[in-house]
Amino acid sequence: MLQVVDSGPEQYVWSTVMHMRSVLFTAILAVSATACSDQNASNRSAESSAAGLASSASQSGQISATSTPQRSVAGMPRDLGVAAVAQRLCTGECDEAGPLQAKSPEEAEWLIRHKYPSQAELEHLRSESLDVLQQKASAGDTTAAALLGKRIALEKNFMDGQVMLRNQVLSGNFYALYAISESYRESRVPNAVDGAAYLRLAYIMGDHKATIEIAKMRLSSAELAAADTRASLLYKGFAGDQVPDPRPQG
């Protein structure tokens, strides 16, 4: 005869265990879903913050770029550089443009880079007294310094003026070579060969228009040969560590 075993308590325990496992599994799923949701939200927040920072940096860079003056010719602010170029560009017939005039913006920039004045600047400074030229030269005006050196050479002490002019050439002021040439040609005892030699030196340094000035002197072939020899001797003492920089052809 079969006996019926009462499994009521065991069935109850088993059902309870299974129910608790189901509840626990559901809770785990809920926690995982919440964590993923929080992580996604955190990621979106971080991406949004990064985008905001990038936008702010971009706007800051744009503001900085627009608020900082653009530099152009020889370190000048853009508006002054444009004006300086315009002052040196020849107008009208340019075939016989002088050494201070440019036929192109590139040539005008070359003049500015090597400290050639505009014709207007030169005429203005030529009328100034030695004291005014001294003040302007001390303030960094290279044209005033070249004119001061020439005036001192012609009006006071020739060698003192030459020292000042040589220092200008060594600092990159090629126009000072024209001033030296003039000082030799206009001195109490004019020296045409040395005058031509310094123009020849300007030519060696890159100023092809210096030959036009030499041609105007109408020297003999012997004088021209002597000037060339003299220029070759002067080169090391006046060029320093500078290298020739050809003037753009018009």
C-alpha atoms as a PDB file:
ATOM      1  CA  MET A   1       0.000   0.000   0.000  1.00  0.00           C
ATOM      2  CA  LEU A   2       1.428   3.267  -1.065  1.00  0.00           C
ATOM      3  CA  GLN A   3       1.922   6.007   1.506  1.00  0.00           C
ATOM      4  CA  VAL A   4       1.196   9.603   0.608  1.00  0.00           C
ATOM      5  CA  VAL A   5       4.016  11.812   1.766  1.00  0.00           C
ATOM      6  CA  ASP A   6       3.044  15.255   2.903  1.00  0.00           C
ATOM      7  CA  SER A   7       5.364  17.635   1.006  1.00  0.00           C
ATOM      8  CA  GLY A   8       3.513  20.748   1.974  1.00  0.00           C
ATOM      9  CA  PRO A   9       6.301  22.402   4.030  1.00  0.00           C
ATOM     10  CA  GLU A  10       9.014  21.577   1.488  1.00  0.00           C
ATOM     11  CA  GLN A  11       6.902  22.843  -1.399  1.00  0.00           C
ATOM     12  CA  TYR A  12       6.252  26.020   0.509  1.00  0.00           C
ATOM     13  CA  VAL A  13       9.950  26.573   1.169  1.00  0.00           C
ATOM     14  CA  TRP A  14      10.862  25.893  -2.462  1.00  0.00           C
ATOM     15  CA  SER A  15       8.186  28.278  -3.733  1.00  0.00           C
ATOM     16  CA  THR A  16       9.407  30.945  -1.370  1.00  0.00           C
ATOM     17  CA  VAL A  17      13.002  30.545  -2.526  1.00  0.00           C
ATOM     18  CA  MET A  18      12.038  30.754  -6.182  1.00  0.00           C
ATOM     19  CA  HIS A  19       9.953  33.867  -5.525  1.00  0.00           C
ATOM     20  CA  MET A  20      12.820  35.569  -3.720  1.00  0.00           C
ATOM     21  CA  ARG A  21      15.221  34.705  -6.573  1.00  0.00           C
ATOM     22  CA  SER A  22      12.771  36.195  -9.064  1.00  0.00           C
ATOM     23  CA  VAL A  23      12.449  39.382  -7.028  1.00  0.00           C
ATOM     24  CA  LEU A  24      16.236  39.620  -6.623  1.00  0.00           C
ATOM     25  CA  PHE A  25      16.827  39.125 -10.389  1.00  0.00           C
ATOM     26  CA  THR A  26      14.254  41.803 -11.186  1.00  0.00           C
ATOM     27  CA  ALA A  27      15.947  44.197  -8.767  1.00  0.00           C
ATOM     28  CA  ILE A  28      19.347  43.528 -10.327  1.00  0.00           C
ATOM     29  CA  LEU A  29      17.957  44.291 -13.783  1.00  0.00           C
ATOM     30  CA  ALA A  30      16.407  47.506 -12.493  1.00  0.00           C
ATOM     31  CA  VAL A  31      19.669  48.621 -10.862  1.00  0.00           C
ATOM     32  CA  SER A  32      21.638  47.840 -14.022  1.00  0.00           C
ATOM     33  CA  ALA A  33      19.205  49.774 -16.177  1.00  0.00           C
ATOM     34  CA  THR A  34      19.371  52.736 -13.808  1.00  0.00           C
ATOM     35  CA  ALA A  35      23.204  52.666 -13.823  1.00  0.00           C
ATOM     36  CA  CYS A  36      23.304  52.583 -17.625  1.00  0.00           C
ATOM     37  CA  SER A  37      20.849  55.461 -17.793  1.00  0.00           C
ATOM     38  CA  ASP A  38      22.915  57.482 -15.321  1.00  0.00           C
ATOM     39  CA  GLN A  39      26.125  56.698 -17.272  1.00  0.00           C
ATOM     40  CA  ASN A  40      24.556  57.803 -20.561  1.00  0.00           C
ATOM     41  CA  ALA A  41      23.338  60.995 -18.970  1.00  0.00           C
ATOM     42  CA  SER A  42      26.804  61.601 -17.518  1.00  0.00           C
ATOM     43  CA  ASN A  43      28.390  61.011 -20.915  1.00  0.00           C
ATOM     44  CA  ARG A  44      25.965  63.410 -22.581  1.00  0.00           C
ATOM     45  CA  SER A  45      26.685  65.991 -19.895  1.00  0.00           C
ATOM     46  CA  ALA A  46      30.452  65.594 -20.379  1.00  0.00           C
ATOM     47  CA  GLU A  47      30.111  65.850 -24.164  1.00  0.00           C
ATOM     48  CA  SER A  48      27.973  68.956 -23.766  1.00  0.00           C
ATOM     49  CA  SER A  49      30.520  70.516 -21.397  1.00  0.00           C
ATOM     50  CA  ALA A  50      33.389  69.699 -23.759  1.00  0.00           C
ATOM     51  CA  ALA A  51      31.512  71.210 -26.687  1.00  0.00           C
ATOM     52  CA  GLY A  52      30.803  74.294 -24.619  1.00  0.00           C
ATOM     53  CA  LEU A  53      34.464  74.656 -23.674  1.00  0.00           C
ATOM     54  CA  ALA A  54      35.553  74.192 -27.295  1.00  0.00           C
ATOM     55  CA  SER A  55      33.062  76.811 -28.421  1.00  0.00           C
ATOM     56  CA  SER A  56      34.231  79.215 -25.733  1.00  0.00           C
ATOM     57  CA  ALA A  57      37.871  78.644 -26.683  1.00  0.00           C
ATOM     58  CA  SER A  58      37.065  79.186 -30.349  1.00  0.00           C
ATOM     59  CA  GLN A  59      35.186  82.408 -29.573  1.00  0.00           C
ATOM     60  CA  SER A  60      38.032  83.540 -27.300  1.00  0.00           C
ATOM     61  CA  GLY A  61      40.536  82.855 -30.073  1.00  0.00           C
ATOM     62  CA  GLN A  62      38.443  84.802 -32.549  1.00  0.00           C
ATOM     63  CA  ILE A  63      38.149  87.723 -30.165  1.00  0.00           C
ATOM     64  CA  SER A  64      41.897  87.632 -29.518  1.00  0.00           C
ATOM     65  CA  ALA A  65      42.650  87.509 -33.242  1.00  0.00           C
ATOM     66  CA  THR A  66      40.400  90.453 -34.007  1.00  0.00           C
ATOM     67  CA  SER A  67      41.512  92.518 -31.023  1.00  0.00           C
ATOM     68  CA  THR A  68      45.250  92.033 -31.734  1.00  0.00           C
ATOM     69  CA  PRO A  69      46.510  94.396 -34.493  1.00  0.00           C
ATOM     70  CA  GLN A  70      47.679  92.481 -37.535  1.00  0.00           C
ATOM     71  CA  ARG A  71      51.356  92.992 -38.301  1.00  0.00           C
ATOM     72  CA  SER A  72      52.577  93.402 -41.832  1.00  0.00           C
ATOM     73  CA  VAL A  73      55.469  95.412 -43.241  1.00  0.00           C
ATOM     74  CA  ALA A  74      58.619  95.451 -41.092  1.00  0.00           C
ATOM     75  CA  GLY A  75      56.633  94.837 -37.895  1.00  0.00           C
ATOM     76  CA  MET A  76      54.333  97.824 -38.446  1.00  0.00           C
ATOM     77  CA  PRO A  77      50.617  97.723 -37.609  1.00  0.00           C
ATOM     78  CA  ARG A  78      48.728  96.856 -40.771  1.00  0.00           C
ATOM     79  CA  ASP A  79      47.268 100.334 -41.373  1.00  0.00           C
ATOM     80  CA  LEU A  80      50.673 102.030 -40.976  1.00  0.00           C
ATOM     81  CA  GLY A  81      52.332  99.443 -43.197  1.00  0.00           C
ATOM     82  CA  VAL A  82      49.808 100.032 -45.975  1.00  0.00           C
ATOM     83  CA  ALA A  83      50.334 103.795 -45.723  1.00  0.00           C
ATOM     84  CA  ALA A  84      54.125 103.411 -45.783  1.00  0.00           C
ATOM     85  CA  VAL A  85      53.933 101.270 -48.921  1.00  0.00           C
ATOM     86  CA  ALA A  86      51.629 103.794 -50.613  1.00  0.00           C
ATOM     87  CA  GLN A  87      54.051 106.650 -49.836  1.00  0.00           C
ATOM     88  CA  ARG A  88      56.838 104.862 -51.710  1.00  0.00           C
ATOM     89  CA  LEU A  89      54.912 103.784 -54.788  1.00  0.00           C
ATOM     90  CA  CYS A  90      55.629 105.985 -57.793  1.00  0.00           C
ATOM     91  CA  THR A  91      52.725 107.614 -59.591  1.00  0.00           C
ATOM     92  CA  GLY A  92      52.412 108.416 -63.263  1.00  0.00           C
ATOM     93  CA  GLU A  93      55.472 107.657 -65.380  1.00  0.00           C
ATOM     94  CA  CYS A  94      57.640 105.200 -63.439  1.00  0.00           C
ATOM     95  CA  ASP A  95      60.318 104.348 -66.004  1.00  0.00           C
ATOM     96  CA  GLU A  96      62.742 106.782 -64.370  1.00  0.00           C
ATOM     97  CA  ALA A  97      61.704 106.182 -60.767  1.00  0.00           C
ATOM     98  CA  GLY A  98      64.465 107.173 -58.336  1.00  0.00           C
ATOM     99  CA  PRO A  99      66.050 105.039 -55.614  1.00  0.00           C
ATOM    100  CA  LEU A 100      63.385 106.071 -53.092  1.00  0.00           C
ATOM    101  CA  GLN A 101      60.491 105.112 -55.354  1.00  0.00           C
ATOM    102  CA  ALA A 102      58.975 101.708 -55.967  1.00  0.00           C
ATOM    103  CA  LYS A 103      57.149 100.344 -58.976  1.00  0.00           C
ATOM    104  CA  SER A 104      55.412  97.586 -57.010  1.00  0.00           C
ATOM    105  CA  PRO A 105      54.256  96.909 -53.441  1.00  0.00           C
ATOM    106  CA  GLU A 106      56.991  94.269 -53.151  1.00  0.00           C
ATOM    107  CA  GLU A 107      59.656  96.820 -54.006  1.00  0.00           C
ATOM    108  CA  ALA A 108      58.102  99.305 -51.559  1.00  0.00           C
ATOM    109  CA  GLU A 109      58.262  96.678 -48.812  1.00  0.00           C
ATOM    110  CA  TRP A 110      61.925  96.101 -49.654  1.00  0.00           C
ATOM    111  CA  LEU A 111      62.589  99.835 -49.249  1.00  0.00           C
ATOM    112  CA  ILE A 112      60.873  99.862 -45.878  1.00  0.00           C
ATOM    113  CA  ARG A 113      62.679  96.722 -44.730  1.00  0.00           C
ATOM    114  CA  HIS A 114      66.033  98.322 -45.495  1.00  0.00           C
ATOM    115  CA  LYS A 115      65.036 101.668 -43.971  1.00  0.00           C
ATOM    116  CA  TYR A 116      64.809 103.867 -47.063  1.00  0.00           C
ATOM    117  CA  PRO A 117      62.666 106.924 -46.363  1.00  0.00           C
ATOM    118  CA  SER A 118      59.874 108.140 -48.566  1.00  0.00           C
ATOM    119  CA  GLN A 119      60.671 111.246 -50.589  1.00  0.00           C
ATOM    120  CA  ALA A 120      58.318 113.274 -48.398  1.00  0.00           C
ATOM    121  CA  GLU A 121      60.006 112.085 -45.184  1.00  0.00           C
ATOM    122  CA  LEU A 122      63.418 112.925 -46.567  1.00  0.00           C
ATOM    123  CA  GLU A 123      62.440 116.430 -47.653  1.00  0.00           C
ATOM    124  CA  HIS A 124      60.865 117.131 -44.266  1.00  0.00           C
ATOM    125  CA  LEU A 125      63.893 115.964 -42.273  1.00  0.00           C
ATOM    126  CA  ARG A 126      66.367 117.814 -44.466  1.00  0.00           C
ATOM    127  CA  SER A 127      64.909 121.089 -43.199  1.00  0.00           C
ATOM    128  CA  GLU A 128      65.346 120.178 -39.523  1.00  0.00           C
ATOM    129  CA  SER A 129      68.128 121.452 -37.289  1.00  0.00           C
ATOM    130  CA  LEU A 130      70.902 119.253 -35.931  1.00  0.00           C
ATOM    131  CA  ASP A 131      69.280 119.288 -32.495  1.00  0.00           C
ATOM    132  CA  VAL A 132      65.971 118.032 -33.889  1.00  0.00           C
ATOM    133  CA  LEU A 133      67.723 115.373 -35.940  1.00  0.00           C
ATOM    134  CA  GLN A 134      69.611 114.281 -32.828  1.00  0.00           C
ATOM    135  CA  GLN A 135      66.374 113.969 -30.864  1.00  0.00           C
ATOM    136  CA  LYS A 136      64.681 111.995 -33.617  1.00  0.00           C
ATOM    137  CA  ALA A 137      67.714 109.762 -34.123  1.00  0.00           C
ATOM    138  CA  SER A 138      67.813 109.029 -30.381  1.00  0.00           C
ATOM    139  CA  ALA A 139      64.149 108.054 -30.596  1.00  0.00           C
ATOM    140  CA  GLY A 140      64.925 105.492 -33.303  1.00  0.00           C
ATOM    141  CA  ASP A 141      64.297 107.431 -36.522  1.00  0.00           C
ATOM    142  CA  THR A 142      66.783 105.826 -38.931  1.00  0.00           C
ATOM    143  CA  THR A 143      66.375 108.469 -41.633  1.00  0.00           C
ATOM    144  CA  ALA A 144      67.129 111.197 -39.098  1.00  0.00           C
ATOM    145  CA  ALA A 145      70.183 109.198 -37.989  1.00  0.00           C
ATOM    146  CA  ALA A 146      71.485 108.966 -41.572  1.00  0.00           C
ATOM    147  CA  LEU A 147      70.940 112.670 -42.207  1.00  0.00           C
ATOM    148  CA  LEU A 148      72.506 113.541 -38.861  1.00  0.00           C
ATOM    149  CA  GLY A 149      75.615 111.513 -39.697  1.00  0.00           C
ATOM    150  CA  LYS A 150      75.921 113.242 -43.060  1.00  0.00           C
ATOM    151  CA  ARG A 151      75.426 116.716 -41.564  1.00  0.00           C
ATOM    152  CA  ILE A 152      78.009 116.082 -38.843  1.00  0.00           C
ATOM    153  CA  ALA A 153      80.462 114.817 -41.462  1.00  0.00           C
ATOM    154  CA  LEU A 154      79.993 117.936 -43.607  1.00  0.00           C
ATOM    155  CA  GLU A 155      79.487 120.578 -40.923  1.00  0.00           C
ATOM    156  CA  LYS A 156      81.525 119.409 -37.922  1.00  0.00           C
ATOM    157  CA  ASN A 157      83.828 116.397 -38.006  1.00  0.00           C
ATOM    158  CA  PHE A 158      83.983 114.235 -41.105  1.00  0.00           C
ATOM    159  CA  MET A 159      85.142 111.048 -39.384  1.00  0.00           C
ATOM    160  CA  ASP A 160      82.623 111.340 -36.542  1.00  0.00           C
ATOM    161  CA  GLY A 161      79.876 111.512 -39.121  1.00  0.00           C
ATOM    162  CA  GLN A 162      81.276 108.491 -40.968  1.00  0.00           C
ATOM    163  CA  VAL A 163      81.281 106.431 -37.780  1.00  0.00           C
ATOM    164  CA  MET A 164      77.597 107.219 -37.237  1.00  0.00           C
ATOM    165  CA  LEU A 165      76.760 106.335 -40.827  1.00  0.00           C
ATOM    166  CA  ARG A 166      78.690 103.068 -40.721  1.00  0.00           C
ATOM    167  CA  ASN A 167      76.777 102.035 -37.592  1.00  0.00           C
ATOM    168  CA  GLN A 168      73.541 102.688 -39.465  1.00  0.00           C
ATOM    169  CA  VAL A 169      74.657 100.481 -42.347  1.00  0.00           C
ATOM    170  CA  LEU A 170      75.596  97.688 -39.932  1.00  0.00           C
ATOM    171  CA  SER A 171      72.118  97.909 -38.395  1.00  0.00           C
ATOM    172  CA  GLY A 172      70.509  97.281 -41.798  1.00  0.00           C
ATOM    173  CA  ASN A 173      70.004 100.856 -42.993  1.00  0.00           C
ATOM    174  CA  PHE A 174      71.008 100.572 -46.658  1.00  0.00           C
ATOM    175  CA  TYR A 175      69.934 104.171 -47.289  1.00  0.00           C
ATOM    176  CA  ALA A 176      72.880 105.254 -45.122  1.00  0.00           C
ATOM    177  CA  LEU A 177      75.163 104.123 -47.983  1.00  0.00           C
ATOM    178  CA  TYR A 178      73.613 106.843 -50.152  1.00  0.00           C
ATOM    179  CA  ALA A 179      74.217 109.350 -47.346  1.00  0.00           C
ATOM    180  CA  ILE A 180      77.874 108.281 -47.097  1.00  0.00           C
ATOM    181  CA  SER A 181      78.271 108.625 -50.860  1.00  0.00           C
ATOM    182  CA  GLU A 182      76.812 112.133 -50.751  1.00  0.00           C
ATOM    183  CA  SER A 183      79.078 113.116 -47.867  1.00  0.00           C
ATOM    184  CA  TYR A 184      82.167 112.175 -49.923  1.00  0.00           C
ATOM    185  CA  ARG A 185      80.929 113.939 -53.046  1.00  0.00           C
ATOM    186  CA  GLU A 186      79.835 117.092 -51.183  1.00  0.00           C
ATOM    187  CA  SER A 187      82.790 117.447 -48.825  1.00  0.00           C
ATOM    188  CA  ARG A 188      85.272 120.341 -49.003  1.00  0.00           C
ATOM    189  CA  VAL A 189      87.557 118.050 -50.974  1.00  0.00           C
ATOM    190  CA  PRO A 190      85.150 115.969 -53.085  1.00  0.00           C
ATOM    191  CA  ASN A 191      86.079 112.340 -53.572  1.00  0.00           C
ATOM    192  CA  ALA A 192      84.121 110.942 -56.521  1.00  0.00           C
ATOM    193  CA  VAL A 193      85.750 107.507 -56.421  1.00  0.00           C
ATOM    194  CA  ASP A 194      84.821 106.883 -52.782  1.00  0.00           C
ATOM    195  CA  GLY A 195      81.384 108.361 -53.455  1.00  0.00           C
ATOM    196  CA  ALA A 196      80.857 105.826 -56.242  1.00  0.00           C
ATOM    197  CA  ALA A 197      82.360 103.032 -54.143  1.00  0.00           C
ATOM    198  CA  TYR A 198      79.652 103.336 -51.490  1.00  0.00           C
ATOM    199  CA  LEU A 199      76.956 103.321 -54.144  1.00  0.00           C
ATOM    200  CA  ARG A 200      78.606 100.254 -55.599  1.00  0.00           C
ATOM    201  CA  LEU A 201      78.466  98.709 -52.130  1.00  0.00           C
ATOM    202  CA  ALA A 202      74.719  99.432 -52.045  1.00  0.00           C
ATOM    203  CA  TYR A 203      74.477  97.596 -55.361  1.00  0.00           C
ATOM    204  CA  ILE A 204      76.384  94.612 -53.953  1.00  0.00           C
ATOM    205  CA  MET A 205      73.971  94.522 -50.999  1.00  0.00           C
ATOM    206  CA  GLY A 206      71.059  94.245 -53.419  1.00  0.00           C
ATOM    207  CA  ASP A 207      70.043  97.739 -54.572  1.00  0.00           C
ATOM    208  CA  HIS A 208      70.266  97.610 -58.363  1.00  0.00           C
ATOM    209  CA  LYS A 209      69.125 101.253 -58.616  1.00  0.00           C
ATOM    210  CA  ALA A 210      72.402 102.396 -57.096  1.00  0.00           C
ATOM    211  CA  THR A 211      73.970 101.883 -60.530  1.00  0.00           C
ATOM    212  CA  ILE A 212      71.667 104.588 -61.899  1.00  0.00           C
ATOM    213  CA  GLU A 213      73.155 107.058 -59.434  1.00  0.00           C
ATOM    214  CA  ILE A 214      76.668 105.965 -60.376  1.00  0.00           C
ATOM    215  CA  ALA A 215      75.898 106.522 -64.057  1.00  0.00           C
ATOM    216  CA  LYS A 216      74.801 110.084 -63.282  1.00  0.00           C
ATOM    217  CA  MET A 217      78.313 110.817 -61.960  1.00  0.00           C
ATOM    218  CA  ARG A 218      79.814 110.286 -65.452  1.00  0.00           C
ATOM    219  CA  LEU A 219      83.061 108.769 -64.170  1.00  0.00           C
ATOM    220  CA  SER A 220      85.830 107.524 -66.406  1.00  0.00           C
ATOM    221  CA  SER A 221      86.445 103.800 -66.833  1.00  0.00           C
ATOM    222  CA  ALA A 222      89.533 104.098 -64.631  1.00  0.00           C
ATOM    223  CA  GLU A 223      87.526 105.798 -61.865  1.00  0.00           C
ATOM    224  CA  LEU A 224      84.809 103.151 -62.103  1.00  0.00           C
ATOM    225  CA  ALA A 225      87.397 100.387 -61.829  1.00  0.00           C
ATOM    226  CA  ALA A 226      88.898 102.087 -58.779  1.00  0.00           C
ATOM    227  CA  ALA A 227      85.435 102.429 -57.220  1.00  0.00           C
ATOM    228  CA  ASP A 228      84.763  98.725 -57.752  1.00  0.00           C
ATOM    229  CA  THR A 229      88.033  97.807 -56.087  1.00  0.00           C
ATOM    230  CA  ARG A 230      87.298 100.127 -53.190  1.00  0.00           C
ATOM    231  CA  ALA A 231      83.787  98.668 -52.780  1.00  0.00           C
ATOM    232  CA  SER A 232      85.123  95.126 -52.560  1.00  0.00           C
ATOM    233  CA  LEU A 233      87.434  96.232 -49.750  1.00  0.00           C
ATOM    234  CA  LEU A 234      84.620  98.002 -47.921  1.00  0.00           C
ATOM    235  CA  TYR A 235      82.195  95.078 -48.082  1.00  0.00           C
ATOM    236  CA  LYS A 236      83.337  93.104 -45.037  1.00  0.00           C
ATOM    237  CA  GLY A 237      83.627  96.171 -42.850  1.00  0.00           C
ATOM    238  CA  PHE A 238      80.143  97.466 -43.687  1.00  0.00           C
ATOM    239  CA  ALA A 239      78.069  94.375 -44.435  1.00  0.00           C
ATOM    240  CA  GLY A 240      78.840  92.619 -41.158  1.00  0.00           C
ATOM    241  CA  ASP A 241      76.742  89.465 -40.949  1.00  0.00           C
ATOM    242  CA  GLN A 242      74.169  90.778 -43.410  1.00  0.00           C
ATOM    243  CA  VAL A 243      73.642  88.938 -46.674  1.00  0.00           C
ATOM    244  CA  PRO A 244      72.697  90.613 -49.965  1.00  0.00           C
ATOM    245  CA  ASP A 245      68.961  91.008 -50.410  1.00  0.00           C
ATOM    246  CA  PRO A 246      68.091  91.765 -54.059  1.00  0.00           C
ATOM    247  CA  ARG A 247      65.717  94.641 -54.615  1.00  0.00           C
ATOM    248  CA  PRO A 248      62.632  93.487 -56.583  1.00  0.00           C
ATOM    249  CA  GLN A 249      62.698  94.541 -60.213  1.00  0.00           C
ATOM    250  CA  GLY A 250      59.914  96.925 -61.195  1.00  0.00           C
END
